[in-house]
Amino acid sequence: MIVELTCPQSKTDASVTNSTDNEYGDMKVFTCVTGYEYSDGSTEKVFRCDSRGEWYPIGDDTECQGTVAILNATYARTLVTEKN
């Protein structure tokens, strides 16, 4: 029996890709959605579908980290201050 190993199409809700490749060994670029970035400040990273059926990063970062919550908190504080 031959089992085809694949990775999920999407890595996380905070990243997107325009590639449909998802078989073992495939590599594709994941781009963080607006308001998110990797810890080094970049918004794109290359990942490879590994033998466990998971996207493995080429490099250190694994997840896009949100900056939106901080921006929204700052914006909300500014609105409250302006109303007073």
Protein backbone atom coordinates (compact mmCIF):
# COMPACT_ATOMS: atom_id res chain seq x y z
CA MET A 1 0.00 0.00 0.00
CA ILE A 2 1.39 3.40 -0.98
CA VAL A 3 0.35 6.33 1.18
CA GLU A 4 0.68 9.79 -0.31
CA LEU A 5 2.07 12.19 2.27
CA THR A 6 0.71 15.72 2.12
CA CYS A 7 0.74 18.87 4.24
CA PRO A 8 -2.31 21.07 4.85
CA GLN A 9 -2.90 23.77 2.22
CA SER A 10 -2.77 26.54 4.84
CA LYS A 11 -0.14 26.72 7.55
CA THR A 12 -1.94 29.13 9.92
CA ASP A 13 -4.72 31.69 9.88
CA ALA A 14 -2.05 34.42 10.02
CA SER A 15 -0.32 33.41 6.77
CA VAL A 16 -1.29 32.85 3.15
CA THR A 17 0.29 31.34 0.06
CA ASN A 18 -0.55 31.36 -3.63
CA SER A 19 0.86 27.87 -4.21
CA THR A 20 -1.23 24.70 -4.21
CA ASP A 21 1.81 22.42 -3.78
CA ASN A 22 1.43 20.38 -0.61
CA GLU A 23 3.17 17.02 -1.15
CA TYR A 24 6.17 15.70 0.77
CA GLY A 25 9.28 17.68 -0.18
CA ASP A 26 7.39 20.58 -1.78
CA MET A 27 8.52 24.05 -0.79
CA LYS A 28 6.44 27.21 -0.83
CA VAL A 29 6.46 30.75 0.46
CA PHE A 30 4.05 31.70 3.22
CA THR A 31 3.29 35.42 3.57
CA CYS A 32 1.99 36.92 6.82
CA VAL A 33 -1.35 38.69 6.53
CA THR A 34 -1.55 42.43 7.24
CA GLY A 35 -0.68 43.20 10.85
CA TYR A 36 1.50 40.11 11.30
CA GLU A 37 5.21 39.42 10.79
CA TYR A 38 7.92 36.92 11.67
CA SER A 39 10.15 37.71 14.67
CA ASP A 40 12.89 39.09 12.40
CA GLY A 41 10.46 41.64 10.92
CA SER A 42 10.05 39.87 7.57
CA THR A 43 6.64 38.98 6.19
CA GLU A 44 7.65 36.03 3.96
CA LYS A 45 9.35 32.70 4.73
CA VAL A 46 10.00 29.51 2.78
CA PHE A 47 8.62 26.27 4.25
CA ARG A 48 8.98 22.64 3.14
CA CYS A 49 6.47 19.81 3.57
CA ASP A 50 8.27 17.36 5.87
CA SER A 51 7.95 13.62 6.49
CA ARG A 52 5.41 14.23 9.29
CA GLY A 53 3.01 16.07 6.98
CA GLU A 54 3.86 19.44 8.54
CA TRP A 55 5.30 22.62 7.08
CA TYR A 56 8.87 22.98 8.33
CA PRO A 57 10.56 26.38 8.16
CA ILE A 58 13.73 26.97 6.21
CA GLY A 59 15.24 29.10 8.99
CA ASP A 60 14.28 29.82 12.58
CA ASP A 61 10.80 31.37 12.53
CA THR A 62 7.73 29.17 12.46
CA GLU A 63 4.75 31.48 12.97
CA CYS A 64 3.61 34.96 11.99
CA GLN A 65 3.25 37.04 15.13
CA GLY A 66 0.49 39.59 15.43
CA THR A 67 1.18 43.28 15.73
CA VAL A 68 -2.50 44.18 15.19
CA ALA A 69 -3.50 43.90 18.87
CA ILE A 70 -0.88 46.46 19.88
CA LEU A 71 -1.89 48.82 17.09
CA ASN A 72 -5.59 48.50 17.94
CA ALA A 73 -4.92 49.10 21.64
CA THR A 74 -2.97 52.26 20.82
CA TYR A 75 -5.72 53.42 18.47
CA ALA A 76 -8.45 52.74 21.06
CA ARG A 77 -6.53 54.64 23.75
CA THR A 78 -6.15 57.60 21.37
CA LEU A 79 -9.90 57.66 20.65
CA VAL A 80 -10.78 57.66 24.35
CA THR A 81 -8.32 60.46 25.03
CA GLU A 82 -9.71 62.55 22.17
CA LYS A 83 -13.31 62.19 23.41
CA ASN A 84 -12.50 63.62 26.84
